[in-house]
């Protein structure tokens, strides 16, 4: 198990790309990370890291070692869940980490269904976003991660995770009272090029999606206000301070003064997915919870 812990450090280095970033993600000192990596090299008999200019990178053998390590970790995870569910009963506790709008727009319905259909399963929900969300999944503090495909979330095909796609979450245009296009059922995004805009910061997913969608429509939005809080954004629209794109998962309890309109194709969207550690998908408890999550999402999607 000591070897596995050291291999987790090397795996983290593969994802982070530097000793300093690896240390920060694992809450270790850079010196401790370097010591763990040096111990791996001594144990296996070859260098796993090398200097290329000023950077430190994995050696070809280091990459090969981690390819085998991914298989080992998946089998350990599979064995743990198989032993936990030896009698094939679906019981236990599932910890879900999720981004805020998934907690507001999706997970309440999952919890409702679980209460009725899975009486022996306790589901706990904690707000978390990438990259911290996946650090906590790796550490075992979450069993399932709900995320949006964006900077900080692992790419599809990452060997550390089994991924379940939950489909797109489209963004619609939110209009204030008295807007001249209220009567148009499906306006084009370019129709709003002369409006003041309210959007998230450029580092966040939806702020980036809004900027990209407007650019694709042929204009740069005139940003009057920035906020990553959907309720705050909706209030600013309701008071006539601009227009905004709002994802459908966030369209809960919006102010009555707002009018939501679907824009013409191609519609802006973000992609949702659930992830578990590779190997954990063989657990009846996790499989049942993922199936429930997929079912609720399918019903909720327009």
C-alpha atoms as a PDB file:
ATOM      1  CA  UNK A   1       0.000   0.000   0.000  1.00  0.00           C
ATOM      2  CA  UNK A   2       2.979   2.327   0.526  1.00  0.00           C
ATOM      3  CA  UNK A   3       3.917   1.700  -3.122  1.00  0.00           C
ATOM      4  CA  UNK A   4       0.377   2.603  -4.200  1.00  0.00           C
ATOM      5  CA  UNK A   5       0.507   5.848  -2.258  1.00  0.00           C
ATOM      6  CA  UNK A   6       3.775   6.780  -3.944  1.00  0.00           C
ATOM      7  CA  UNK A   7       2.341   5.875  -7.335  1.00  0.00           C
ATOM      8  CA  UNK A   8      -0.590   8.193  -6.629  1.00  0.00           C
ATOM      9  CA  UNK A   9       1.942  10.988  -6.201  1.00  0.00           C
ATOM     10  CA  UNK A  10       3.489  10.163  -9.585  1.00  0.00           C
ATOM     11  CA  UNK A  11       0.026   9.975 -11.158  1.00  0.00           C
ATOM     12  CA  UNK A  12      -0.739  13.414  -9.784  1.00  0.00           C
ATOM     13  CA  UNK A  13       2.496  14.721 -11.284  1.00  0.00           C
ATOM     14  CA  UNK A  14       1.365  13.417 -14.669  1.00  0.00           C
ATOM     15  CA  UNK A  15      -1.813  15.492 -14.398  1.00  0.00           C
ATOM     16  CA  UNK A  16      -0.251  18.635 -12.864  1.00  0.00           C
ATOM     17  CA  UNK A  17       2.979  18.834 -14.804  1.00  0.00           C
ATOM     18  CA  UNK A  18       5.231  20.137 -12.028  1.00  0.00           C
ATOM     19  CA  UNK A  19       6.489  19.217  -8.574  1.00  0.00           C
ATOM     20  CA  UNK A  20       5.103  22.448  -7.104  1.00  0.00           C
ATOM     21  CA  UNK A  21       1.595  21.958  -8.527  1.00  0.00           C
ATOM     22  CA  UNK A  22       1.603  18.313  -7.445  1.00  0.00           C
ATOM     23  CA  UNK A  23       2.581  19.289  -3.906  1.00  0.00           C
ATOM     24  CA  UNK A  24      -0.190  21.899  -3.756  1.00  0.00           C
ATOM     25  CA  UNK A  25      -2.826  19.427  -4.979  1.00  0.00           C
ATOM     26  CA  UNK A  26      -1.778  16.781  -2.451  1.00  0.00           C
ATOM     27  CA  UNK A  27      -1.222  19.225   0.425  1.00  0.00           C
ATOM     28  CA  UNK A  28       2.428  18.171   0.648  1.00  0.00           C
ATOM     29  CA  UNK A  29       5.687  20.074   0.445  1.00  0.00           C
ATOM     30  CA  UNK A  30       7.645  19.978  -2.827  1.00  0.00           C
ATOM     31  CA  UNK A  31      10.420  18.259  -0.898  1.00  0.00           C
ATOM     32  CA  UNK A  32       8.060  15.476   0.200  1.00  0.00           C
ATOM     33  CA  UNK A  33       6.888  14.956  -3.384  1.00  0.00           C
ATOM     34  CA  UNK A  34      10.485  14.771  -4.615  1.00  0.00           C
ATOM     35  CA  UNK A  35      11.317  12.214  -1.914  1.00  0.00           C
ATOM     36  CA  UNK A  36       8.346  10.033  -2.894  1.00  0.00           C
ATOM     37  CA  UNK A  37       9.345  10.133  -6.552  1.00  0.00           C
ATOM     38  CA  UNK A  38      12.978   9.340  -5.702  1.00  0.00           C
ATOM     39  CA  UNK A  39      11.821   6.333  -3.680  1.00  0.00           C
ATOM     40  CA  UNK A  40       9.828   5.057  -6.657  1.00  0.00           C
ATOM     41  CA  UNK A  41      12.921   5.349  -8.865  1.00  0.00           C
ATOM     42  CA  UNK A  42      14.978   3.378  -6.334  1.00  0.00           C
ATOM     43  CA  UNK A  43      12.306   0.687  -6.044  1.00  0.00           C
ATOM     44  CA  UNK A  44      11.835   0.150  -9.790  1.00  0.00           C
ATOM     45  CA  UNK A  45      15.491   0.614 -10.721  1.00  0.00           C
ATOM     46  CA  UNK A  46      15.106   3.378 -13.305  1.00  0.00           C
ATOM     47  CA  UNK A  47      14.441   7.111 -13.425  1.00  0.00           C
ATOM     48  CA  UNK A  48      10.796   8.112 -13.716  1.00  0.00           C
ATOM     49  CA  UNK A  49      11.417  11.848 -14.145  1.00  0.00           C
ATOM     50  CA  UNK A  50      13.928  13.742 -16.256  1.00  0.00           C
ATOM     51  CA  UNK A  51      14.916  17.362 -16.884  1.00  0.00           C
ATOM     52  CA  UNK A  52      14.087  18.842 -20.277  1.00  0.00           C
ATOM     53  CA  UNK A  53      15.456  22.366 -20.225  1.00  0.00           C
ATOM     54  CA  UNK A  54      14.030  23.958 -17.086  1.00  0.00           C
ATOM     55  CA  UNK A  55      11.102  21.555 -16.925  1.00  0.00           C
ATOM     56  CA  UNK A  56      10.803  18.187 -15.230  1.00  0.00           C
ATOM     57  CA  UNK A  57       8.862  15.597 -17.219  1.00  0.00           C
ATOM     58  CA  UNK A  58       8.066  11.898 -17.075  1.00  0.00           C
ATOM     59  CA  UNK A  59      10.553   9.568 -18.743  1.00  0.00           C
ATOM     60  CA  UNK A  60       9.220   7.076 -21.327  1.00  0.00           C
ATOM     61  CA  UNK A  61       9.568   4.351 -18.687  1.00  0.00           C
ATOM     62  CA  UNK A  62       7.737   6.595 -16.223  1.00  0.00           C
ATOM     63  CA  UNK A  63       4.824   6.848 -18.661  1.00  0.00           C
ATOM     64  CA  UNK A  64       4.845   3.066 -19.096  1.00  0.00           C
ATOM     65  CA  UNK A  65       4.896   2.540 -15.332  1.00  0.00           C
ATOM     66  CA  UNK A  66       1.843   4.778 -14.898  1.00  0.00           C
ATOM     67  CA  UNK A  67      -0.018   2.970 -17.671  1.00  0.00           C
ATOM     68  CA  UNK A  68       0.330  -0.223 -15.608  1.00  0.00           C
ATOM     69  CA  UNK A  69      -0.465   1.700 -12.418  1.00  0.00           C
ATOM     70  CA  UNK A  70      -3.781   2.893 -13.891  1.00  0.00           C
ATOM     71  CA  UNK A  71      -4.770  -0.757 -14.373  1.00  0.00           C
ATOM     72  CA  UNK A  72      -3.693  -1.634 -10.831  1.00  0.00           C
ATOM     73  CA  UNK A  73      -5.678   1.229  -9.287  1.00  0.00           C
ATOM     74  CA  UNK A  74      -8.762   0.259 -11.290  1.00  0.00           C
ATOM     75  CA  UNK A  75      -8.517  -3.344 -10.076  1.00  0.00           C
ATOM     76  CA  UNK A  76      -8.029  -2.242  -6.460  1.00  0.00           C
ATOM     77  CA  UNK A  77     -11.111  -0.021  -6.744  1.00  0.00           C
ATOM     78  CA  UNK A  78     -13.078  -2.849  -8.333  1.00  0.00           C
ATOM     79  CA  UNK A  79     -12.039  -5.287  -5.605  1.00  0.00           C
ATOM     80  CA  UNK A  80     -12.976  -2.828  -2.851  1.00  0.00           C
ATOM     81  CA  UNK A  81     -16.468  -2.327  -4.218  1.00  0.00           C
ATOM     82  CA  UNK A  82     -16.965  -6.029  -4.951  1.00  0.00           C
ATOM     83  CA  UNK A  83     -16.150  -6.903  -1.348  1.00  0.00           C
ATOM     84  CA  UNK A  84     -18.341  -4.083  -0.039  1.00  0.00           C
ATOM     85  CA  UNK A  85     -21.286  -5.459  -2.014  1.00  0.00           C
ATOM     86  CA  UNK A  86     -20.649  -9.172  -1.520  1.00  0.00           C
ATOM     87  CA  UNK A  87     -24.312 -10.004  -0.910  1.00  0.00           C
ATOM     88  CA  UNK A  88     -25.462  -8.009  -4.011  1.00  0.00           C
ATOM     89  CA  UNK A  89     -27.612  -5.762  -1.852  1.00  0.00           C
ATOM     90  CA  UNK A  90     -27.915  -2.118  -2.817  1.00  0.00           C
ATOM     91  CA  UNK A  91     -27.275  -0.394   0.471  1.00  0.00           C
ATOM     92  CA  UNK A  92     -24.826   2.092   1.888  1.00  0.00           C
ATOM     93  CA  UNK A  93     -23.827   5.739   1.547  1.00  0.00           C
ATOM     94  CA  UNK A  94     -22.916   7.584  -1.640  1.00  0.00           C
ATOM     95  CA  UNK A  95     -21.174  10.958  -1.455  1.00  0.00           C
ATOM     96  CA  UNK A  96     -21.756  13.156  -4.495  1.00  0.00           C
ATOM     97  CA  UNK A  97     -19.692  16.257  -5.207  1.00  0.00           C
ATOM     98  CA  UNK A  98     -21.363  18.625  -7.655  1.00  0.00           C
ATOM     99  CA  UNK A  99     -21.317  22.135  -9.081  1.00  0.00           C
ATOM    100  CA  UNK A 100     -23.947  24.562  -7.724  1.00  0.00           C
ATOM    101  CA  UNK A 101     -26.490  24.506 -10.565  1.00  0.00           C
ATOM    102  CA  UNK A 102     -26.509  20.705 -10.577  1.00  0.00           C
ATOM    103  CA  UNK A 103     -27.373  20.864  -6.875  1.00  0.00           C
ATOM    104  CA  UNK A 104     -30.157  23.354  -7.591  1.00  0.00           C
ATOM    105  CA  UNK A 105     -31.585  21.932 -10.791  1.00  0.00           C
ATOM    106  CA  UNK A 106     -30.858  18.191 -10.854  1.00  0.00           C
ATOM    107  CA  UNK A 107     -29.925  16.596  -7.557  1.00  0.00           C
ATOM    108  CA  UNK A 108     -33.144  17.429  -5.632  1.00  0.00           C
ATOM    109  CA  UNK A 109     -35.012  15.220  -8.129  1.00  0.00           C
ATOM    110  CA  UNK A 110     -32.376  12.492  -7.740  1.00  0.00           C
ATOM    111  CA  UNK A 111     -32.794  12.604  -3.957  1.00  0.00           C
ATOM    112  CA  UNK A 112     -36.589  12.457  -4.334  1.00  0.00           C
ATOM    113  CA  UNK A 113     -36.362   9.322  -6.463  1.00  0.00           C
ATOM    114  CA  UNK A 114     -33.735   7.738  -4.215  1.00  0.00           C
ATOM    115  CA  UNK A 115     -35.927   8.281  -1.158  1.00  0.00           C
ATOM    116  CA  UNK A 116     -38.720   6.307  -2.810  1.00  0.00           C
ATOM    117  CA  UNK A 117     -36.774   3.725  -4.816  1.00  0.00           C
ATOM    118  CA  UNK A 118     -33.587   3.163  -2.783  1.00  0.00           C
ATOM    119  CA  UNK A 119     -34.631   3.202   0.881  1.00  0.00           C
ATOM    120  CA  UNK A 120     -31.366   1.539   1.973  1.00  0.00           C
ATOM    121  CA  UNK A 121     -29.154   4.082   0.214  1.00  0.00           C
ATOM    122  CA  UNK A 122     -28.110   7.349   1.807  1.00  0.00           C
ATOM    123  CA  UNK A 123     -26.946  10.025  -0.628  1.00  0.00           C
ATOM    124  CA  UNK A 124     -25.016  13.042   0.616  1.00  0.00           C
ATOM    125  CA  UNK A 125     -24.333  16.076  -1.567  1.00  0.00           C
ATOM    126  CA  UNK A 126     -21.461  18.562  -1.268  1.00  0.00           C
ATOM    127  CA  UNK A 127     -20.794  21.575  -3.469  1.00  0.00           C
ATOM    128  CA  UNK A 128     -17.460  21.335  -5.266  1.00  0.00           C
ATOM    129  CA  UNK A 129     -16.062  22.299  -8.664  1.00  0.00           C
ATOM    130  CA  UNK A 130     -13.014  21.239 -10.670  1.00  0.00           C
ATOM    131  CA  UNK A 131     -10.172  20.925 -10.126  1.00  0.00           C
ATOM    132  CA  UNK A 132     -10.788  20.565  -6.364  1.00  0.00           C
ATOM    133  CA  UNK A 133     -13.765  18.273  -7.071  1.00  0.00           C
ATOM    134  CA  UNK A 134     -11.525  15.676  -8.703  1.00  0.00           C
ATOM    135  CA  UNK A 135      -8.826  16.023  -6.055  1.00  0.00           C
ATOM    136  CA  UNK A 136     -11.505  15.069  -3.528  1.00  0.00           C
ATOM    137  CA  UNK A 137     -12.728  12.206  -5.730  1.00  0.00           C
ATOM    138  CA  UNK A 138      -9.157  10.883  -5.922  1.00  0.00           C
ATOM    139  CA  UNK A 139      -8.849  11.166  -2.133  1.00  0.00           C
ATOM    140  CA  UNK A 140     -12.053   9.169  -1.599  1.00  0.00           C
ATOM    141  CA  UNK A 141     -14.042  12.043  -0.092  1.00  0.00           C
ATOM    142  CA  UNK A 142     -16.557  11.768  -2.953  1.00  0.00           C
ATOM    143  CA  UNK A 143     -17.842   8.611  -4.637  1.00  0.00           C
ATOM    144  CA  UNK A 144     -19.326  10.411  -7.653  1.00  0.00           C
ATOM    145  CA  UNK A 145     -18.309  13.733  -9.211  1.00  0.00           C
ATOM    146  CA  UNK A 146     -20.796  15.796 -11.228  1.00  0.00           C
ATOM    147  CA  UNK A 147     -19.084  18.334 -13.452  1.00  0.00           C
ATOM    148  CA  UNK A 148     -19.116  20.371 -16.634  1.00  0.00           C
ATOM    149  CA  UNK A 149     -16.597  19.733 -19.394  1.00  0.00           C
ATOM    150  CA  UNK A 150     -14.350  22.762 -19.026  1.00  0.00           C
ATOM    151  CA  UNK A 151     -10.938  23.854 -17.802  1.00  0.00           C
ATOM    152  CA  UNK A 152     -10.034  21.945 -14.666  1.00  0.00           C
ATOM    153  CA  UNK A 153     -12.150  18.870 -15.390  1.00  0.00           C
ATOM    154  CA  UNK A 154     -10.391  15.757 -16.739  1.00  0.00           C
ATOM    155  CA  UNK A 155     -10.699  15.059 -20.466  1.00  0.00           C
ATOM    156  CA  UNK A 156     -12.777  12.224 -21.856  1.00  0.00           C
ATOM    157  CA  UNK A 157     -10.660   9.090 -21.895  1.00  0.00           C
ATOM    158  CA  UNK A 158      -8.716   9.936 -18.730  1.00  0.00           C
ATOM    159  CA  UNK A 159      -7.690   6.451 -17.461  1.00  0.00           C
ATOM    160  CA  UNK A 160      -8.277   7.419 -13.828  1.00  0.00           C
ATOM    161  CA  UNK A 161     -12.048   7.710 -14.230  1.00  0.00           C
ATOM    162  CA  UNK A 162     -15.111   5.972 -15.574  1.00  0.00           C
ATOM    163  CA  UNK A 163     -17.200   8.706 -17.138  1.00  0.00           C
ATOM    164  CA  UNK A 164     -20.961   8.837 -17.801  1.00  0.00           C
ATOM    165  CA  UNK A 165     -22.126  11.571 -20.170  1.00  0.00           C
ATOM    166  CA  UNK A 166     -25.281  13.383 -19.041  1.00  0.00           C
ATOM    167  CA  UNK A 167     -25.807  15.443 -22.170  1.00  0.00           C
ATOM    168  CA  UNK A 168     -25.899  19.165 -22.924  1.00  0.00           C
ATOM    169  CA  UNK A 169     -27.304  21.925 -20.763  1.00  0.00           C
ATOM    170  CA  UNK A 170     -28.420  24.589 -23.236  1.00  0.00           C
ATOM    171  CA  UNK A 171     -28.287  28.304 -22.457  1.00  0.00           C
ATOM    172  CA  UNK A 172     -31.236  30.581 -23.280  1.00  0.00           C
ATOM    173  CA  UNK A 173     -31.403  34.356 -23.531  1.00  0.00           C
ATOM    174  CA  UNK A 174     -32.928  36.182 -20.549  1.00  0.00           C
ATOM    175  CA  UNK A 175     -34.658  39.453 -21.420  1.00  0.00           C
ATOM    176  CA  UNK A 176     -35.674  42.341 -19.147  1.00  0.00           C
ATOM    177  CA  UNK A 177     -39.151  43.927 -19.080  1.00  0.00           C
ATOM    178  CA  UNK A 178     -39.911  46.097 -22.095  1.00  0.00           C
ATOM    179  CA  UNK A 179     -37.177  44.652 -24.303  1.00  0.00           C
ATOM    180  CA  UNK A 180     -38.057  45.265 -27.978  1.00  0.00           C
ATOM    181  CA  UNK A 181     -37.584  41.578 -28.871  1.00  0.00           C
ATOM    182  CA  UNK A 182     -39.964  40.167 -26.255  1.00  0.00           C
ATOM    183  CA  UNK A 183     -42.436  39.246 -28.978  1.00  0.00           C
ATOM    184  CA  UNK A 184     -39.954  37.210 -30.991  1.00  0.00           C
ATOM    185  CA  UNK A 185     -40.218  33.513 -30.121  1.00  0.00           C
ATOM    186  CA  UNK A 186     -36.778  32.378 -31.269  1.00  0.00           C
ATOM    187  CA  UNK A 187     -34.429  35.319 -31.830  1.00  0.00           C
ATOM    188  CA  UNK A 188     -30.910  35.029 -33.189  1.00  0.00           C
ATOM    189  CA  UNK A 189     -28.070  35.754 -30.783  1.00  0.00           C
ATOM    190  CA  UNK A 190     -26.812  38.480 -33.114  1.00  0.00           C
ATOM    191  CA  UNK A 191     -30.090  40.378 -32.567  1.00  0.00           C
ATOM    192  CA  UNK A 192     -28.646  41.352 -29.156  1.00  0.00           C
ATOM    193  CA  UNK A 193     -25.312  42.720 -30.342  1.00  0.00           C
ATOM    194  CA  UNK A 194     -26.275  46.280 -29.348  1.00  0.00           C
ATOM    195  CA  UNK A 195     -27.528  45.335 -25.867  1.00  0.00           C
ATOM    196  CA  UNK A 196     -25.680  45.639 -22.586  1.00  0.00           C
ATOM    197  CA  UNK A 197     -24.702  42.173 -21.332  1.00  0.00           C
ATOM    198  CA  UNK A 198     -24.472  40.551 -17.915  1.00  0.00           C
ATOM    199  CA  UNK A 199     -22.205  37.513 -17.712  1.00  0.00           C
ATOM    200  CA  UNK A 200     -19.762  35.576 -15.585  1.00  0.00           C
ATOM    201  CA  UNK A 201     -16.066  36.267 -15.509  1.00  0.00           C
ATOM    202  CA  UNK A 202     -13.925  35.006 -18.350  1.00  0.00           C
ATOM    203  CA  UNK A 203     -12.392  32.257 -16.199  1.00  0.00           C
ATOM    204  CA  UNK A 204     -15.712  30.547 -15.519  1.00  0.00           C
ATOM    205  CA  UNK A 205     -17.498  28.086 -17.783  1.00  0.00           C
ATOM    206  CA  UNK A 206     -20.626  30.080 -18.607  1.00  0.00           C
ATOM    207  CA  UNK A 207     -18.791  33.372 -18.962  1.00  0.00           C
ATOM    208  CA  UNK A 208     -16.503  31.694 -21.490  1.00  0.00           C
ATOM    209  CA  UNK A 209     -19.453  30.051 -23.284  1.00  0.00           C
ATOM    210  CA  UNK A 210     -21.254  33.412 -23.571  1.00  0.00           C
ATOM    211  CA  UNK A 211     -18.160  35.136 -24.974  1.00  0.00           C
ATOM    212  CA  UNK A 212     -17.548  32.281 -27.426  1.00  0.00           C
ATOM    213  CA  UNK A 213     -21.199  32.150 -28.548  1.00  0.00           C
ATOM    214  CA  UNK A 214     -21.294  35.898 -29.159  1.00  0.00           C
ATOM    215  CA  UNK A 215     -18.019  35.713 -31.081  1.00  0.00           C
ATOM    216  CA  UNK A 216     -19.449  32.912 -33.251  1.00  0.00           C
ATOM    217  CA  UNK A 217     -22.497  35.123 -33.885  1.00  0.00           C
ATOM    218  CA  UNK A 218     -20.189  37.857 -35.130  1.00  0.00           C
ATOM    219  CA  UNK A 219     -19.964  40.349 -32.272  1.00  0.00           C
ATOM    220  CA  UNK A 220     -18.210  41.114 -29.009  1.00  0.00           C
ATOM    221  CA  UNK A 221     -20.692  41.656 -26.152  1.00  0.00           C
ATOM    222  CA  UNK A 222     -20.711  45.000 -24.365  1.00  0.00           C
ATOM    223  CA  UNK A 223     -20.352  43.676 -20.806  1.00  0.00           C
ATOM    224  CA  UNK A 224     -21.971  45.997 -18.283  1.00  0.00           C
ATOM    225  CA  UNK A 225     -21.852  43.693 -15.248  1.00  0.00           C
ATOM    226  CA  UNK A 226     -20.076  40.467 -14.275  1.00  0.00           C
ATOM    227  CA  UNK A 227     -21.213  37.912 -11.699  1.00  0.00           C
ATOM    228  CA  UNK A 228     -20.920  34.126 -11.386  1.00  0.00           C
ATOM    229  CA  UNK A 229     -24.029  33.984  -9.171  1.00  0.00           C
ATOM    230  CA  UNK A 230     -27.056  33.061 -11.298  1.00  0.00           C
ATOM    231  CA  UNK A 231     -29.588  34.605  -8.935  1.00  0.00           C
ATOM    232  CA  UNK A 232     -27.657  37.877  -8.889  1.00  0.00           C
ATOM    233  CA  UNK A 233     -27.404  37.800 -12.669  1.00  0.00           C
ATOM    234  CA  UNK A 234     -31.156  37.174 -12.980  1.00  0.00           C
ATOM    235  CA  UNK A 235     -31.957  40.081 -10.661  1.00  0.00           C
ATOM    236  CA  UNK A 236     -29.831  42.424 -12.760  1.00  0.00           C
ATOM    237  CA  UNK A 237     -31.714  41.324 -15.889  1.00  0.00           C
ATOM    238  CA  UNK A 238     -35.082  41.682 -14.114  1.00  0.00           C
ATOM    239  CA  UNK A 239     -34.210  45.270 -13.207  1.00  0.00           C
ATOM    240  CA  UNK A 240     -33.413  46.130 -16.814  1.00  0.00           C
ATOM    241  CA  UNK A 241     -29.635  46.332 -16.610  1.00  0.00           C
ATOM    242  CA  UNK A 242     -28.897  44.052 -19.557  1.00  0.00           C
ATOM    243  CA  UNK A 243     -29.490  40.682 -21.201  1.00  0.00           C
ATOM    244  CA  UNK A 244     -27.820  37.390 -20.319  1.00  0.00           C
ATOM    245  CA  UNK A 245     -27.508  33.746 -21.269  1.00  0.00           C
ATOM    246  CA  UNK A 246     -28.697  31.403 -18.514  1.00  0.00           C
ATOM    247  CA  UNK A 247     -28.269  27.586 -18.530  1.00  0.00           C
ATOM    248  CA  UNK A 248     -31.467  25.615 -18.114  1.00  0.00           C
ATOM    249  CA  UNK A 249     -30.312  23.978 -14.890  1.00  0.00           C
ATOM    250  CA  UNK A 250     -30.113  27.477 -13.399  1.00  0.00           C
ATOM    251  CA  UNK A 251     -33.597  28.506 -14.557  1.00  0.00           C
ATOM    252  CA  UNK A 252     -35.250  27.805 -11.225  1.00  0.00           C
ATOM    253  CA  UNK A 253     -37.137  30.459  -9.254  1.00  0.00           C
ATOM    254  CA  UNK A 254     -36.253  33.231 -11.677  1.00  0.00           C
ATOM    255  CA  UNK A 255     -37.793  36.677 -11.082  1.00  0.00           C
ATOM    256  CA  UNK A 256     -41.204  36.997 -12.707  1.00  0.00           C
ATOM    257  CA  UNK A 257     -40.089  40.038 -14.679  1.00  0.00           C
ATOM    258  CA  UNK A 258     -37.633  37.987 -16.772  1.00  0.00           C
ATOM    259  CA  UNK A 259     -38.609  36.524 -20.133  1.00  0.00           C
ATOM    260  CA  UNK A 260     -36.671  33.468 -21.325  1.00  0.00           C
ATOM    261  CA  UNK A 261     -36.288  32.872 -25.053  1.00  0.00           C
ATOM    262  CA  UNK A 262     -34.581  30.010 -26.853  1.00  0.00           C
ATOM    263  CA  UNK A 263     -32.159  31.331 -29.472  1.00  0.00           C
ATOM    264  CA  UNK A 264     -31.747  29.976 -32.984  1.00  0.00           C
ATOM    265  CA  UNK A 265     -29.307  27.197 -33.773  1.00  0.00           C
ATOM    266  CA  UNK A 266     -26.532  26.616 -32.990  1.00  0.00           C
ATOM    267  CA  UNK A 267     -27.553  27.134 -29.367  1.00  0.00           C
ATOM    268  CA  UNK A 268     -24.894  27.768 -26.719  1.00  0.00           C
ATOM    269  CA  UNK A 269     -24.485  24.772 -24.405  1.00  0.00           C
ATOM    270  CA  UNK A 270     -22.266  23.203 -21.788  1.00  0.00           C
ATOM    271  CA  UNK A 271     -21.749  19.445 -21.473  1.00  0.00           C
ATOM    272  CA  UNK A 272     -22.483  17.614 -18.213  1.00  0.00           C
ATOM    273  CA  UNK A 273     -20.960  14.357 -17.009  1.00  0.00           C
ATOM    274  CA  UNK A 274     -20.579  12.167 -13.943  1.00  0.00           C
ATOM    275  CA  UNK A 275     -17.308  10.472 -13.053  1.00  0.00           C
ATOM    276  CA  UNK A 276     -16.231   7.755 -10.622  1.00  0.00           C
ATOM    277  CA  UNK A 277     -12.776   6.249 -10.061  1.00  0.00           C
ATOM    278  CA  UNK A 278     -12.057   3.621 -12.714  1.00  0.00           C
ATOM    279  CA  UNK A 279     -13.148   0.256 -11.329  1.00  0.00           C
ATOM    280  CA  UNK A 280     -15.849   1.733  -9.065  1.00  0.00           C
ATOM    281  CA  UNK A 281     -18.465   1.359 -11.820  1.00  0.00           C
ATOM    282  CA  UNK A 282     -18.626  -2.350 -10.966  1.00  0.00           C
ATOM    283  CA  UNK A 283     -20.162  -1.597  -7.574  1.00  0.00           C
ATOM    284  CA  UNK A 284     -23.938  -2.296  -7.555  1.00  0.00           C
ATOM    285  CA  UNK A 285     -24.397   0.711  -5.259  1.00  0.00           C
ATOM    286  CA  UNK A 286     -22.566   3.100  -7.574  1.00  0.00           C
ATOM    287  CA  UNK A 287     -24.073   1.589 -10.733  1.00  0.00           C
ATOM    288  CA  UNK A 288     -27.582   1.977  -9.320  1.00  0.00           C
ATOM    289  CA  UNK A 289     -26.919   5.583  -8.328  1.00  0.00           C
ATOM    290  CA  UNK A 290     -25.439   6.419 -11.744  1.00  0.00           C
ATOM    291  CA  UNK A 291     -28.440   4.809 -13.459  1.00  0.00           C
ATOM    292  CA  UNK A 292     -30.787   6.884 -11.296  1.00  0.00           C
ATOM    293  CA  UNK A 293     -28.831  10.045 -12.075  1.00  0.00           C
ATOM    294  CA  UNK A 294     -28.946   9.299 -15.805  1.00  0.00           C
ATOM    295  CA  UNK A 295     -32.657   8.542 -15.685  1.00  0.00           C
ATOM    296  CA  UNK A 296     -33.510  11.775 -13.853  1.00  0.00           C
ATOM    297  CA  UNK A 297     -31.325  13.798 -16.197  1.00  0.00           C
ATOM    298  CA  UNK A 298     -32.962  12.225 -19.254  1.00  0.00           C
ATOM    299  CA  UNK A 299     -36.415  13.088 -17.974  1.00  0.00           C
ATOM    300  CA  UNK A 300     -35.439  16.633 -17.060  1.00  0.00           C
ATOM    301  CA  UNK A 301     -33.693  17.449 -20.350  1.00  0.00           C
ATOM    302  CA  UNK A 302     -35.923  19.279 -22.841  1.00  0.00           C
END
